[in-house]
Each structure stands twice: as structure tokens, then as C-alpha cells.
């Protein structure tokens, strides 16, 4: 049941809190809805918040890409697609995000606020 501006009027009983900001129960952004309705996708893949956090942290450490949890989830899913894609395939994963706004979220829960003597 949708209320004003397409926002959910009631919570779905199966919805559980998750760390990927911007996605809420029973809410599909208009751009995603148009893409789904237009069948411009090959498939829809589900990814958990833990995979998003882990991949975002790996992107920061290994590639210098500072992104949020949804960006990490996007890349985690793209890597999954790459593992089964035919040789020579091109897989695009867009990460139009920065992790700057997520410094106080679970994404950085294990990162100390202050530098150590060694650092």
C-alpha cells in the first residue's frame, strides 16, 4: 500500500531493517520502476547488506574507491555476475557515490576515529 509520493503507507511483514540506505520497505524508486517495467534488465539479483559492507571496505583498501554500502553491494553483485559470465563479456557496475556521508554508519564501525602511533 503506497501513500504520498510513492512512499509505503504500511510496513510489509517480511521487511527487516538493513544497512543499505535509501531502500525502504515496499518502495521502488521511479527510475527503477521504469526500468523494471520496460524490461531493460537481464535479471534481478539480490545482495545482502553484509556483502555490501565487506565489498565497500575491500574497494577502499585495495582500489582506493571510497563508496557507500549500496556501491559495495553493486560491485559485489557485478563480481558475482563476472564469475559466471562467458569469456569476453563486458560487465558494467556504476558506483555514483562516496562514503563520506556514511562515516557514522555500520560501514565504518570497525574503523578507529583516531590514528594509532604506528599510523
PDB file of N, CA and C in Angstrom:
ATOM      1  N   UNK A   1       0.857  -1.174   0.000  1.00  0.00           N
ATOM      2  CA  UNK A   1       0.000   0.000   0.000  1.00  0.00           C
ATOM      3  C   UNK A   1       0.899   1.231   0.000  1.00  0.00           C
ATOM      4  N   UNK A   2       0.719   2.067  -1.022  1.00  0.00           N
ATOM      5  CA  UNK A   2       1.560   3.249  -1.133  1.00  0.00           C
ATOM      6  C   UNK A   2       0.811   4.493  -0.689  1.00  0.00           C
ATOM      7  N   UNK A   3       1.530   5.382  -0.047  1.00  0.00           N
ATOM      8  CA  UNK A   3       0.972   6.651   0.398  1.00  0.00           C
ATOM      9  C   UNK A   3       1.467   7.772  -0.493  1.00  0.00           C
ATOM     10  N   UNK A   4       1.672   8.929   0.085  1.00  0.00           N
ATOM     11  CA  UNK A   4       2.115  10.103  -0.654  1.00  0.00           C
ATOM     12  C   UNK A   4       3.476   9.883  -1.298  1.00  0.00           C
ATOM     13  N   UNK A   5       3.626  10.360  -2.526  1.00  0.00           N
ATOM     14  CA  UNK A   5       4.889  10.326  -3.261  1.00  0.00           C
ATOM     15  C   UNK A   5       5.444   8.917  -3.453  1.00  0.00           C
ATOM     16  N   UNK A   6       4.596   7.906  -3.434  1.00  0.00           N
ATOM     17  CA  UNK A   6       5.044   6.538  -3.645  1.00  0.00           C
ATOM     18  C   UNK A   6       5.678   5.894  -2.436  1.00  0.00           C
ATOM     19  N   UNK A   7       5.693   6.576  -1.308  1.00  0.00           N
ATOM     20  CA  UNK A   7       6.268   6.013  -0.081  1.00  0.00           C
ATOM     21  C   UNK A   7       5.304   4.986   0.505  1.00  0.00           C
ATOM     22  N   UNK A   8       5.818   3.984   1.198  1.00  0.00           N
ATOM     23  CA  UNK A   8       4.937   2.962   1.760  1.00  0.00           C
ATOM     24  C   UNK A   8       4.031   3.531   2.846  1.00  0.00           C
ATOM     25  N   UNK A   9       2.770   3.133   2.799  1.00  0.00           N
ATOM     26  CA  UNK A   9       1.823   3.557   3.827  1.00  0.00           C
ATOM     27  C   UNK A   9       1.849   2.595   5.005  1.00  0.00           C
ATOM     28  N   UNK A  10       2.336   1.385   4.760  1.00  0.00           N
ATOM     29  CA  UNK A  10       2.415   0.376   5.821  1.00  0.00           C
ATOM     30  C   UNK A  10       3.632  -0.500   5.571  1.00  0.00           C
ATOM     31  N   UNK A  11       4.190  -1.027   6.623  1.00  0.00           N
ATOM     32  CA  UNK A  11       5.362  -1.901   6.527  1.00  0.00           C
ATOM     33  C   UNK A  11       4.925  -3.312   6.148  1.00  0.00           C
ATOM     34  N   UNK A  12       5.658  -3.921   5.228  1.00  0.00           N
ATOM     35  CA  UNK A  12       5.396  -5.312   4.865  1.00  0.00           C
ATOM     36  C   UNK A  12       5.923  -6.207   5.979  1.00  0.00           C
ATOM     37  N   UNK A  13       5.179  -7.253   6.310  1.00  0.00           N
ATOM     38  CA  UNK A  13       5.562  -8.112   7.443  1.00  0.00           C
ATOM     39  C   UNK A  13       6.904  -8.810   7.243  1.00  0.00           C
ATOM     40  N   UNK A  14       7.358  -8.967   6.012  1.00  0.00           N
ATOM     41  CA  UNK A  14       8.636  -9.643   5.775  1.00  0.00           C
ATOM     42  C   UNK A  14       9.817  -8.682   5.749  1.00  0.00           C
ATOM     43  N   UNK A  15       9.558  -7.387   5.774  1.00  0.00           N
ATOM     44  CA  UNK A  15      10.647  -6.424   5.717  1.00  0.00           C
ATOM     45  C   UNK A  15      11.430  -6.434   7.020  1.00  0.00           C
ATOM     46  N   UNK A  16      12.738  -6.411   6.897  1.00  0.00           N
ATOM     47  CA  UNK A  16      13.634  -6.356   8.052  1.00  0.00           C
ATOM     48  C   UNK A  16      14.595  -5.186   7.857  1.00  0.00           C
ATOM     49  N   UNK A  17      15.016  -4.540   8.929  1.00  0.00           N
ATOM     50  CA  UNK A  17      15.991  -3.457   8.790  1.00  0.00           C
ATOM     51  C   UNK A  17      17.272  -3.961   8.120  1.00  0.00           C
ATOM     52  N   UNK A  18      17.911  -3.105   7.355  1.00  0.00           N
ATOM     53  CA  UNK A  18      19.153  -3.451   6.664  1.00  0.00           C
ATOM     54  C   UNK A  18      20.031  -2.207   6.586  1.00  0.00           C
ATOM     55  N   UNK A  19      21.327  -2.373   6.328  1.00  0.00           N
ATOM     56  CA  UNK A  19      22.234  -1.223   6.342  1.00  0.00           C
ATOM     57  C   UNK A  19      22.316  -0.450   5.028  1.00  0.00           C
ATOM     58  N   UNK A  20      21.614  -0.878   3.980  1.00  0.00           N
ATOM     59  CA  UNK A  20      21.705  -0.183   2.694  1.00  0.00           C
ATOM     60  C   UNK A  20      20.726   0.989   2.715  1.00  0.00           C
ATOM     61  N   UNK A  21      21.261   2.193   2.868  1.00  0.00           N
ATOM     62  CA  UNK A  21      20.415   3.378   2.980  1.00  0.00           C
ATOM     63  C   UNK A  21      19.765   3.708   1.646  1.00  0.00           C
ATOM     64  N   UNK A  22      18.564   4.265   1.719  1.00  0.00           N
ATOM     65  CA  UNK A  22      17.858   4.677   0.515  1.00  0.00           C
ATOM     66  C   UNK A  22      16.855   3.657   0.013  1.00  0.00           C
ATOM     67  N   UNK A  23      16.906   2.447   0.523  1.00  0.00           N
ATOM     68  CA  UNK A  23      15.941   1.417   0.126  1.00  0.00           C
ATOM     69  C   UNK A  23      15.043   1.139   1.313  1.00  0.00           C
ATOM     70  N   UNK A  24      13.763   1.304   1.112  1.00  0.00           N
ATOM     71  CA  UNK A  24      12.792   1.153   2.192  1.00  0.00           C
ATOM     72  C   UNK A  24      11.762   0.084   1.812  1.00  0.00           C
ATOM     73  N   UNK A  25      11.015  -0.407   2.793  1.00  0.00           N
ATOM     74  CA  UNK A  25      10.032  -1.443   2.505  1.00  0.00           C
ATOM     75  C   UNK A  25       8.971  -0.952   1.522  1.00  0.00           C
ATOM     76  N   UNK A  26       8.651  -1.790   0.554  1.00  0.00           N
ATOM     77  CA  UNK A  26       7.584  -1.531  -0.416  1.00  0.00           C
ATOM     78  C   UNK A  26       7.820  -0.301  -1.281  1.00  0.00           C
ATOM     79  N   UNK A  27       9.045   0.202  -1.373  1.00  0.00           N
ATOM     80  CA  UNK A  27       9.315   1.400  -2.164  1.00  0.00           C
ATOM     81  C   UNK A  27      10.302   1.079  -3.273  1.00  0.00           C
ATOM     82  N   UNK A  28       9.894   1.348  -4.496  1.00  0.00           N
ATOM     83  CA  UNK A  28      10.782   1.208  -5.646  1.00  0.00           C
ATOM     84  C   UNK A  28      10.901   2.594  -6.271  1.00  0.00           C
ATOM     85  N   UNK A  29      12.113   3.166  -6.349  1.00  0.00           N
ATOM     86  CA  UNK A  29      12.272   4.483  -6.962  1.00  0.00           C
ATOM     87  C   UNK A  29      11.723   4.484  -8.389  1.00  0.00           C
ATOM     88  N   UNK A  30      11.209   5.620  -8.836  1.00  0.00           N
ATOM     89  CA  UNK A  30      10.586   5.718 -10.151  1.00  0.00           C
ATOM     90  C   UNK A  30      11.519   5.252 -11.262  1.00  0.00           C
ATOM     91  N   UNK A  31      12.794   5.627 -11.206  1.00  0.00           N
ATOM     92  CA  UNK A  31      13.728   5.222 -12.261  1.00  0.00           C
ATOM     93  C   UNK A  31      13.885   3.699 -12.301  1.00  0.00           C
ATOM     94  N   UNK A  32      13.900   3.056 -11.136  1.00  0.00           N
ATOM     95  CA  UNK A  32      13.991   1.591 -11.094  1.00  0.00           C
ATOM     96  C   UNK A  32      12.695   0.963 -11.589  1.00  0.00           C
ATOM     97  N   UNK A  33      11.572   1.547 -11.200  1.00  0.00           N
ATOM     98  CA  UNK A  33      10.277   1.024 -11.639  1.00  0.00           C
ATOM     99  C   UNK A  33      10.155   1.075 -13.162  1.00  0.00           C
ATOM    100  N   UNK A  34      10.576   2.186 -13.761  1.00  0.00           N
ATOM    101  CA  UNK A  34      10.511   2.309 -15.225  1.00  0.00           C
ATOM    102  C   UNK A  34      11.419   1.287 -15.895  1.00  0.00           C
ATOM    103  N   UNK A  35      12.592   1.074 -15.325  1.00  0.00           N
ATOM    104  CA  UNK A  35      13.499   0.071 -15.879  1.00  0.00           C
ATOM    105  C   UNK A  35      12.932  -1.328 -15.784  1.00  0.00           C
ATOM    106  N   UNK A  36      12.329  -1.649 -14.644  1.00  0.00           N
ATOM    107  CA  UNK A  36      11.721  -2.972 -14.469  1.00  0.00           C
ATOM    108  C   UNK A  36      10.533  -3.153 -15.402  1.00  0.00           C
ATOM    109  N   UNK A  37       9.674  -2.126 -15.478  1.00  0.00           N
ATOM    110  CA  UNK A  37       8.501  -2.209 -16.348  1.00  0.00           C
ATOM    111  C   UNK A  37       8.899  -2.307 -17.817  1.00  0.00           C
ATOM    112  N   UNK A  38       9.985  -1.618 -18.194  1.00  0.00           N
ATOM    113  CA  UNK A  38      10.446  -1.633 -19.581  1.00  0.00           C
ATOM    114  C   UNK A  38      11.263  -2.857 -19.934  1.00  0.00           C
ATOM    115  N   UNK A  39      11.508  -3.723 -18.959  1.00  0.00           N
ATOM    116  CA  UNK A  39      12.273  -4.961 -19.160  1.00  0.00           C
ATOM    117  C   UNK A  39      13.638  -4.683 -19.804  1.00  0.00           C
ATOM    118  N   UNK A  40      14.328  -3.643 -19.314  1.00  0.00           N
ATOM    119  CA  UNK A  40      15.645  -3.305 -19.852  1.00  0.00           C
ATOM    120  C   UNK A  40      16.762  -4.069 -19.152  1.00  0.00           C
ATOM    121  N   UNK A  41      16.399  -4.931 -18.237  1.00  0.00           N
ATOM    122  CA  UNK A  41      17.385  -5.698 -17.473  1.00  0.00           C
ATOM    123  C   UNK A  41      17.373  -7.165 -17.921  1.00  0.00           C
ATOM    124  N   UNK A  42      18.477  -7.831 -17.696  1.00  0.00           N
ATOM    125  CA  UNK A  42      18.561  -9.264 -17.984  1.00  0.00           C
ATOM    126  C   UNK A  42      18.040 -10.085 -16.815  1.00  0.00           C
ATOM    127  N   UNK A  43      18.357  -9.659 -15.607  1.00  0.00           N
ATOM    128  CA  UNK A  43      17.884 -10.353 -14.413  1.00  0.00           C
ATOM    129  C   UNK A  43      18.011  -9.426 -13.211  1.00  0.00           C
ATOM    130  N   UNK A  44      17.317  -9.762 -12.148  1.00  0.00           N
ATOM    131  CA  UNK A  44      17.406  -9.019 -10.893  1.00  0.00           C
ATOM    132  C   UNK A  44      18.125  -9.907  -9.893  1.00  0.00           C
ATOM    133  N   UNK A  45      19.174  -9.381  -9.293  1.00  0.00           N
ATOM    134  CA  UNK A  45      19.939 -10.146  -8.308  1.00  0.00           C
ATOM    135  C   UNK A  45      19.776  -9.495  -6.941  1.00  0.00           C
ATOM    136  N   UNK A  46      19.691 -10.310  -5.932  1.00  0.00           N
ATOM    137  CA  UNK A  46      19.586  -9.819  -4.561  1.00  0.00           C
ATOM    138  C   UNK A  46      20.957  -9.875  -3.899  1.00  0.00           C
ATOM    139  N   UNK A  47      21.231  -8.895  -3.063  1.00  0.00           N
ATOM    140  CA  UNK A  47      22.506  -8.846  -2.347  1.00  0.00           C
ATOM    141  C   UNK A  47      22.229  -8.333  -0.937  1.00  0.00           C
ATOM    142  N   UNK A  48      22.926  -8.892   0.027  1.00  0.00           N
ATOM    143  CA  UNK A  48      22.721  -8.504   1.419  1.00  0.00           C
ATOM    144  C   UNK A  48      23.605  -7.343   1.840  1.00  0.00           C
ATOM    145  N   UNK A  49      23.214  -6.709   2.921  1.00  0.00           N
ATOM    146  CA  UNK A  49      23.977  -5.590   3.456  1.00  0.00           C
ATOM    147  C   UNK A  49      25.385  -5.965   3.871  1.00  0.00           C
ATOM    148  N   UNK A  50      25.554  -7.173   4.408  1.00  0.00           N
ATOM    149  CA  UNK A  50      26.895  -7.612   4.823  1.00  0.00           C
ATOM    150  C   UNK A  50      27.845  -7.672   3.635  1.00  0.00           C
ATOM    151  N   UNK A  51      27.363  -8.172   2.498  1.00  0.00           N
ATOM    152  CA  UNK A  51      28.195  -8.228   1.291  1.00  0.00           C
ATOM    153  C   UNK A  51      28.521  -6.818   0.813  1.00  0.00           C
ATOM    154  N   UNK A  52      27.563  -5.908   0.930  1.00  0.00           N
ATOM    155  CA  UNK A  52      27.801  -4.518   0.546  1.00  0.00           C
ATOM    156  C   UNK A  52      28.863  -3.865   1.403  1.00  0.00           C
ATOM    157  N   UNK A  53      28.792  -4.088   2.699  1.00  0.00           N
ATOM    158  CA  UNK A  53      29.783  -3.525   3.623  1.00  0.00           C
ATOM    159  C   UNK A  53      31.161  -4.112   3.341  1.00  0.00           C
ATOM    160  N   UNK A  54      31.245  -5.427   3.245  1.00  0.00           N
ATOM    161  CA  UNK A  54      32.533  -6.087   3.016  1.00  0.00           C
ATOM    162  C   UNK A  54      33.172  -5.624   1.707  1.00  0.00           C
ATOM    163  N   UNK A  55      32.379  -5.561   0.648  1.00  0.00           N
ATOM    164  CA  UNK A  55      32.924  -5.166  -0.651  1.00  0.00           C
ATOM    165  C   UNK A  55      33.309  -3.693  -0.654  1.00  0.00           C
ATOM    166  N   UNK A  56      32.522  -2.833  -0.003  1.00  0.00           N
ATOM    167  CA  UNK A  56      32.878  -1.414   0.082  1.00  0.00           C
ATOM    168  C   UNK A  56      34.213  -1.238   0.805  1.00  0.00           C
ATOM    169  N   UNK A  57      34.414  -1.983   1.879  1.00  0.00           N
ATOM    170  CA  UNK A  57      35.684  -1.908   2.608  1.00  0.00           C
ATOM    171  C   UNK A  57      36.840  -2.417   1.756  1.00  0.00           C
ATOM    172  N   UNK A  58      36.621  -3.500   1.007  1.00  0.00           N
ATOM    173  CA  UNK A  58      37.669  -4.026   0.123  1.00  0.00           C
ATOM    174  C   UNK A  58      37.988  -3.034  -0.990  1.00  0.00           C
ATOM    175  N   UNK A  59      36.967  -2.389  -1.541  1.00  0.00           N
ATOM    176  CA  UNK A  59      37.205  -1.385  -2.583  1.00  0.00           C
ATOM    177  C   UNK A  59      38.058  -0.238  -2.049  1.00  0.00           C
ATOM    178  N   UNK A  60      37.794   0.178  -0.820  1.00  0.00           N
ATOM    179  CA  UNK A  60      38.583   1.263  -0.222  1.00  0.00           C
ATOM    180  C   UNK A  60      40.026   0.831   0.005  1.00  0.00           C
ATOM    181  N   UNK A  61      40.210  -0.362   0.560  1.00  0.00           N
ATOM    182  CA  UNK A  61      41.558  -0.846   0.894  1.00  0.00           C
ATOM    183  C   UNK A  61      42.380  -1.206  -0.336  1.00  0.00           C
ATOM    184  N   UNK A  62      41.772  -1.904  -1.294  1.00  0.00           N
ATOM    185  CA  UNK A  62      42.527  -2.451  -2.422  1.00  0.00           C
ATOM    186  C   UNK A  62      42.547  -1.558  -3.657  1.00  0.00           C
ATOM    187  N   UNK A  63      41.496  -0.768  -3.860  1.00  0.00           N
ATOM    188  CA  UNK A  63      41.382   0.007  -5.095  1.00  0.00           C
ATOM    189  C   UNK A  63      41.347   1.518  -4.870  1.00  0.00           C
ATOM    190  N   UNK A  64      41.241   1.940  -3.599  1.00  0.00           N
ATOM    191  CA  UNK A  64      41.156   3.369  -3.318  1.00  0.00           C
ATOM    192  C   UNK A  64      39.819   3.976  -3.711  1.00  0.00           C
ATOM    193  N   UNK A  65      38.790   3.138  -3.826  1.00  0.00           N
ATOM    194  CA  UNK A  65      37.446   3.605  -4.175  1.00  0.00           C
ATOM    195  C   UNK A  65      36.655   3.749  -2.880  1.00  0.00           C
ATOM    196  N   UNK A  66      36.281   4.967  -2.547  1.00  0.00           N
ATOM    197  CA  UNK A  66      35.605   5.299  -1.294  1.00  0.00           C
ATOM    198  C   UNK A  66      34.111   5.406  -1.578  1.00  0.00           C
ATOM    199  N   UNK A  67      33.382   4.316  -1.370  1.00  0.00           N
ATOM    200  CA  UNK A  67      31.955   4.298  -1.699  1.00  0.00           C
ATOM    201  C   UNK A  67      31.129   3.859  -0.501  1.00  0.00           C
ATOM    202  N   UNK A  68      29.827   3.994  -0.633  1.00  0.00           N
ATOM    203  CA  UNK A  68      28.914   3.584   0.420  1.00  0.00           C
ATOM    204  C   UNK A  68      28.548   2.114   0.315  1.00  0.00           C
ATOM    205  N   UNK A  69      27.625   1.706   1.172  1.00  0.00           N
ATOM    206  CA  UNK A  69      27.217   0.301   1.236  1.00  0.00           C
ATOM    207  C   UNK A  69      26.513  -0.124  -0.046  1.00  0.00           C
ATOM    208  N   UNK A  70      25.669   0.735  -0.612  1.00  0.00           N
ATOM    209  CA  UNK A  70      24.977   0.356  -1.848  1.00  0.00           C
ATOM    210  C   UNK A  70      25.966   0.218  -3.002  1.00  0.00           C
ATOM    211  N   UNK A  71      27.002   1.068  -3.026  1.00  0.00           N
ATOM    212  CA  UNK A  71      28.045   0.923  -4.045  1.00  0.00           C
ATOM    213  C   UNK A  71      28.790  -0.384  -3.883  1.00  0.00           C
ATOM    214  N   UNK A  72      29.090  -0.750  -2.632  1.00  0.00           N
ATOM    215  CA  UNK A  72      29.731  -2.037  -2.370  1.00  0.00           C
ATOM    216  C   UNK A  72      28.842  -3.191  -2.791  1.00  0.00           C
ATOM    217  N   UNK A  73      27.540  -3.071  -2.528  1.00  0.00           N
ATOM    218  CA  UNK A  73      26.593  -4.117  -2.923  1.00  0.00           C
ATOM    219  C   UNK A  73      26.517  -4.240  -4.440  1.00  0.00           C
ATOM    220  N   UNK A  74      26.587  -3.104  -5.132  1.00  0.00           N
ATOM    221  CA  UNK A  74      26.576  -3.116  -6.596  1.00  0.00           C
ATOM    222  C   UNK A  74      27.783  -3.874  -7.135  1.00  0.00           C
ATOM    223  N   UNK A  75      28.962  -3.566  -6.611  1.00  0.00           N
ATOM    224  CA  UNK A  75      30.181  -4.233  -7.083  1.00  0.00           C
ATOM    225  C   UNK A  75      30.185  -5.705  -6.679  1.00  0.00           C
ATOM    226  N   UNK A  76      29.695  -6.032  -5.487  1.00  0.00           N
ATOM    227  CA  UNK A  76      29.618  -7.438  -5.069  1.00  0.00           C
ATOM    228  C   UNK A  76      28.770  -8.236  -6.053  1.00  0.00           C
ATOM    229  N   UNK A  77      27.659  -7.658  -6.479  1.00  0.00           N
ATOM    230  CA  UNK A  77      26.786  -8.331  -7.437  1.00  0.00           C
ATOM    231  C   UNK A  77      27.454  -8.430  -8.802  1.00  0.00           C
ATOM    232  N   UNK A  78      28.138  -7.374  -9.225  1.00  0.00           N
ATOM    233  CA  UNK A  78      28.844  -7.412 -10.509  1.00  0.00           C
ATOM    234  C   UNK A  78      29.923  -8.491 -10.507  1.00  0.00           C
ATOM    235  N   UNK A  79      30.635  -8.625  -9.396  1.00  0.00           N
ATOM    236  CA  UNK A  79      31.658  -9.675  -9.300  1.00  0.00           C
ATOM    237  C   UNK A  79      31.028 -11.061  -9.386  1.00  0.00           C
ATOM    238  N   UNK A  80      29.847 -11.213  -8.788  1.00  0.00           N
ATOM    239  CA  UNK A  80      29.125 -12.489  -8.884  1.00  0.00           C
ATOM    240  C   UNK A  80      28.745 -12.777 -10.339  1.00  0.00           C
ATOM    241  N   UNK A  81      28.278 -11.764 -11.042  1.00  0.00           N
ATOM    242  CA  UNK A  81      27.924 -11.923 -12.457  1.00  0.00           C
ATOM    243  C   UNK A  81      29.162 -12.301 -13.264  1.00  0.00           C
ATOM    244  N   UNK A  82      30.287 -11.664 -12.977  1.00  0.00           N
ATOM    245  CA  UNK A  82      31.533 -11.934 -13.710  1.00  0.00           C
ATOM    246  C   UNK A  82      31.987 -13.382 -13.562  1.00  0.00           C
ATOM    247  N   UNK A  83      31.746 -13.963 -12.407  1.00  0.00           N
ATOM    248  CA  UNK A  83      32.186 -15.347 -12.183  1.00  0.00           C
ATOM    249  C   UNK A  83      31.492 -16.337 -13.119  1.00  0.00           C
ATOM    250  N   UNK A  84      30.290 -16.011 -13.562  1.00  0.00           N
ATOM    251  CA  UNK A  84      29.571 -16.952 -14.432  1.00  0.00           C
ATOM    252  C   UNK A  84      29.372 -16.420 -15.853  1.00  0.00           C
ATOM    253  N   UNK A  85      29.895 -15.235 -16.139  1.00  0.00           N
ATOM    254  CA  UNK A  85      29.729 -14.652 -17.475  1.00  0.00           C
ATOM    255  C   UNK A  85      30.650 -15.344 -18.476  1.00  0.00           C
ATOM    256  N   UNK A  86      30.203 -15.455 -19.717  1.00  0.00           N
ATOM    257  CA  UNK A  86      31.066 -16.044 -20.751  1.00  0.00           C
ATOM    258  C   UNK A  86      32.343 -15.222 -20.931  1.00  0.00           C
ATOM    259  N   UNK A  87      33.413 -15.893 -21.303  1.00  0.00           N
ATOM    260  CA  UNK A  87      34.691 -15.225 -21.533  1.00  0.00           C
ATOM    261  C   UNK A  87      34.501 -14.123 -22.574  1.00  0.00           C
ATOM    262  N   UNK A  88      35.098 -12.967 -22.303  1.00  0.00           N
ATOM    263  CA  UNK A  88      34.994 -11.834 -23.211  1.00  0.00           C
ATOM    264  C   UNK A  88      33.803 -10.926 -22.942  1.00  0.00           C
ATOM    265  N   UNK A  89      32.989 -11.273 -21.952  1.00  0.00           N
ATOM    266  CA  UNK A  89      31.826 -10.444 -21.619  1.00  0.00           C
ATOM    267  C   UNK A  89      32.277  -9.115 -21.023  1.00  0.00           C
ATOM    268  N   UNK A  90      31.432  -8.121 -21.145  1.00  0.00           N
ATOM    269  CA  UNK A  90      31.669  -6.826 -20.525  1.00  0.00           C
ATOM    270  C   UNK A  90      30.586  -6.624 -19.469  1.00  0.00           C
ATOM    271  N   UNK A  91      31.003  -6.378 -18.234  1.00  0.00           N
ATOM    272  CA  UNK A  91      30.070  -6.147 -17.131  1.00  0.00           C
ATOM    273  C   UNK A  91      30.350  -4.749 -16.586  1.00  0.00           C
ATOM    274  N   UNK A  92      29.319  -3.924 -16.508  1.00  0.00           N
ATOM    275  CA  UNK A  92      29.456  -2.559 -16.016  1.00  0.00           C
ATOM    276  C   UNK A  92      28.768  -2.438 -14.667  1.00  0.00           C
ATOM    277  N   UNK A  93      29.484  -1.918 -13.688  1.00  0.00           N
ATOM    278  CA  UNK A  93      28.902  -1.638 -12.372  1.00  0.00           C
ATOM    279  C   UNK A  93      29.170  -0.170 -12.059  1.00  0.00           C
ATOM    280  N   UNK A  94      28.120   0.611 -11.939  1.00  0.00           N
ATOM    281  CA  UNK A  94      28.270   2.042 -11.656  1.00  0.00           C
ATOM    282  C   UNK A  94      28.192   2.289 -10.155  1.00  0.00           C
ATOM    283  N   UNK A  95      29.120   3.089  -9.650  1.00  0.00           N
ATOM    284  CA  UNK A  95      29.153   3.426  -8.230  1.00  0.00           C
ATOM    285  C   UNK A  95      29.160   4.960  -8.119  1.00  0.00           C
ATOM    286  N   UNK A  96      28.001   5.593  -8.339  1.00  0.00           N
ATOM    287  CA  UNK A  96      27.936   7.055  -8.297  1.00  0.00           C
ATOM    288  C   UNK A  96      27.743   7.554  -6.869  1.00  0.00           C
ATOM    289  N   UNK A  97      28.725   7.322  -6.031  1.00  0.00           N
ATOM    290  CA  UNK A  97      28.557   7.534  -4.598  1.00  0.00           C
ATOM    291  C   UNK A  97      29.913   7.823  -3.970  1.00  0.00           C
ATOM    292  N   UNK A  98      29.885   8.364  -2.792  1.00  0.00           N
ATOM    293  CA  UNK A  98      31.080   8.498  -1.979  1.00  0.00           C
ATOM    294  C   UNK A  98      30.724   8.056  -0.565  1.00  0.00           C
ATOM    295  N   UNK A  99      31.675   7.559   0.158  1.00  0.00           N
ATOM    296  CA  UNK A  99      31.400   7.057   1.511  1.00  0.00           C
ATOM    297  C   UNK A  99      31.416   8.167   2.552  1.00  0.00           C
ATOM    298  N   UNK A 100      31.705   9.376   2.128  1.00  0.00           N
ATOM    299  CA  UNK A 100      31.816  10.490   3.069  1.00  0.00           C
ATOM    300  C   UNK A 100      30.589  10.622   3.974  1.00  0.00           C
ATOM    301  N   UNK A 101      29.414  10.446   3.423  1.00  0.00           N
ATOM    302  CA  UNK A 101      28.191  10.615   4.227  1.00  0.00           C
ATOM    303  C   UNK A 101      27.878   9.414   5.106  1.00  0.00           C
ATOM    304  N   UNK A 102      28.672   8.359   5.013  1.00  0.00           N
ATOM    305  CA  UNK A 102      28.398   7.134   5.770  1.00  0.00           C
ATOM    306  C   UNK A 102      29.397   6.883   6.899  1.00  0.00           C
ATOM    307  N   UNK A 103      30.188   7.878   7.249  1.00  0.00           N
ATOM    308  CA  UNK A 103      31.232   7.690   8.255  1.00  0.00           C
ATOM    309  C   UNK A 103      30.682   7.277   9.617  1.00  0.00           C
ATOM    310  N   UNK A 104      29.434   7.600   9.917  1.00  0.00           N
ATOM    311  CA  UNK A 104      28.847   7.238  11.214  1.00  0.00           C
ATOM    312  C   UNK A 104      27.905   6.038  11.112  1.00  0.00           C
ATOM    313  N   UNK A 105      27.994   5.274  10.027  1.00  0.00           N
ATOM    314  CA  UNK A 105      27.119   4.114   9.824  1.00  0.00           C
ATOM    315  C   UNK A 105      27.884   2.816  10.100  1.00  0.00           C
ATOM    316  N   UNK A 106      27.194   1.674  10.032  1.00  0.00           N
ATOM    317  CA  UNK A 106      27.877   0.386  10.246  1.00  0.00           C
ATOM    318  C   UNK A 106      29.040   0.137   9.284  1.00  0.00           C
ATOM    319  N   UNK A 107      29.072   0.839   8.157  1.00  0.00           N
ATOM    320  CA  UNK A 107      30.162   0.659   7.199  1.00  0.00           C
ATOM    321  C   UNK A 107      31.524   0.901   7.847  1.00  0.00           C
ATOM    322  N   UNK A 108      31.607   1.867   8.733  1.00  0.00           N
ATOM    323  CA  UNK A 108      32.884   2.210   9.354  1.00  0.00           C
ATOM    324  C   UNK A 108      32.932   1.877  10.838  1.00  0.00           C
ATOM    325  N   UNK A 109      32.073   0.985  11.281  1.00  0.00           N
ATOM    326  CA  UNK A 109      32.019   0.616  12.702  1.00  0.00           C
ATOM    327  C   UNK A 109      33.353   0.072  13.209  1.00  0.00           C
ATOM    328  N   UNK A 110      34.101  -0.626  12.373  1.00  0.00           N
ATOM    329  CA  UNK A 110      35.359  -1.227  12.800  1.00  0.00           C
ATOM    330  C   UNK A 110      36.576  -0.357  12.556  1.00  0.00           C
ATOM    331  N   UNK A 111      36.373   0.870  12.101  1.00  0.00           N
ATOM    332  CA  UNK A 111      37.486   1.766  11.802  1.00  0.00           C
ATOM    333  C   UNK A 111      37.616   2.779  12.936  1.00  0.00           C
ATOM    334  N   UNK A 112      38.799   2.856  13.518  1.00  0.00           N
ATOM    335  CA  UNK A 112      39.033   3.781  14.629  1.00  0.00           C
ATOM    336  C   UNK A 112      38.954   5.227  14.146  1.00  0.00           C
ATOM    337  N   UNK A 113      38.407   6.098  14.979  1.00  0.00           N
ATOM    338  CA  UNK A 113      38.275   7.510  14.622  1.00  0.00           C
ATOM    339  C   UNK A 113      39.622   8.226  14.656  1.00  0.00           C
ATOM    340  N   UNK A 114      40.507   7.782  15.516  1.00  0.00           N
ATOM    341  CA  UNK A 114      41.819   8.417  15.661  1.00  0.00           C
ATOM    342  C   UNK A 114      42.911   7.506  15.110  1.00  0.00           C
ATOM    343  N   UNK A 115      44.007   8.106  14.666  1.00  0.00           N
ATOM    344  CA  UNK A 115      45.137   7.335  14.160  1.00  0.00           C
ATOM    345  C   UNK A 115      45.907   6.719  15.324  1.00  0.00           C
ATOM    346  N   UNK A 116      46.522   5.592  15.066  1.00  0.00           N
ATOM    347  CA  UNK A 116      47.351   4.949  16.080  1.00  0.00           C
ATOM    348  C   UNK A 116      48.764   5.527  16.005  1.00  0.00           C
ATOM    349  N   UNK A 117      49.607   5.185  16.971  1.00  0.00           N
ATOM    350  CA  UNK A 117      51.003   5.633  16.967  1.00  0.00           C
ATOM    351  C   UNK A 117      51.709   5.148  15.703  1.00  0.00           C
ATOM    352  N   UNK A 118      51.407   3.924  15.297  1.00  0.00           N
ATOM    353  CA  UNK A 118      52.042   3.330  14.120  1.00  0.00           C
ATOM    354  C   UNK A 118      51.657   4.069  12.839  1.00  0.00           C
ATOM    355  N   UNK A 119      50.420   4.526  12.765  1.00  0.00           N
ATOM    356  CA  UNK A 119      49.958   5.213  11.554  1.00  0.00           C
ATOM    357  C   UNK A 119      50.577   6.586  11.449  1.00  0.00           C
TER     358      UNK A 119
END
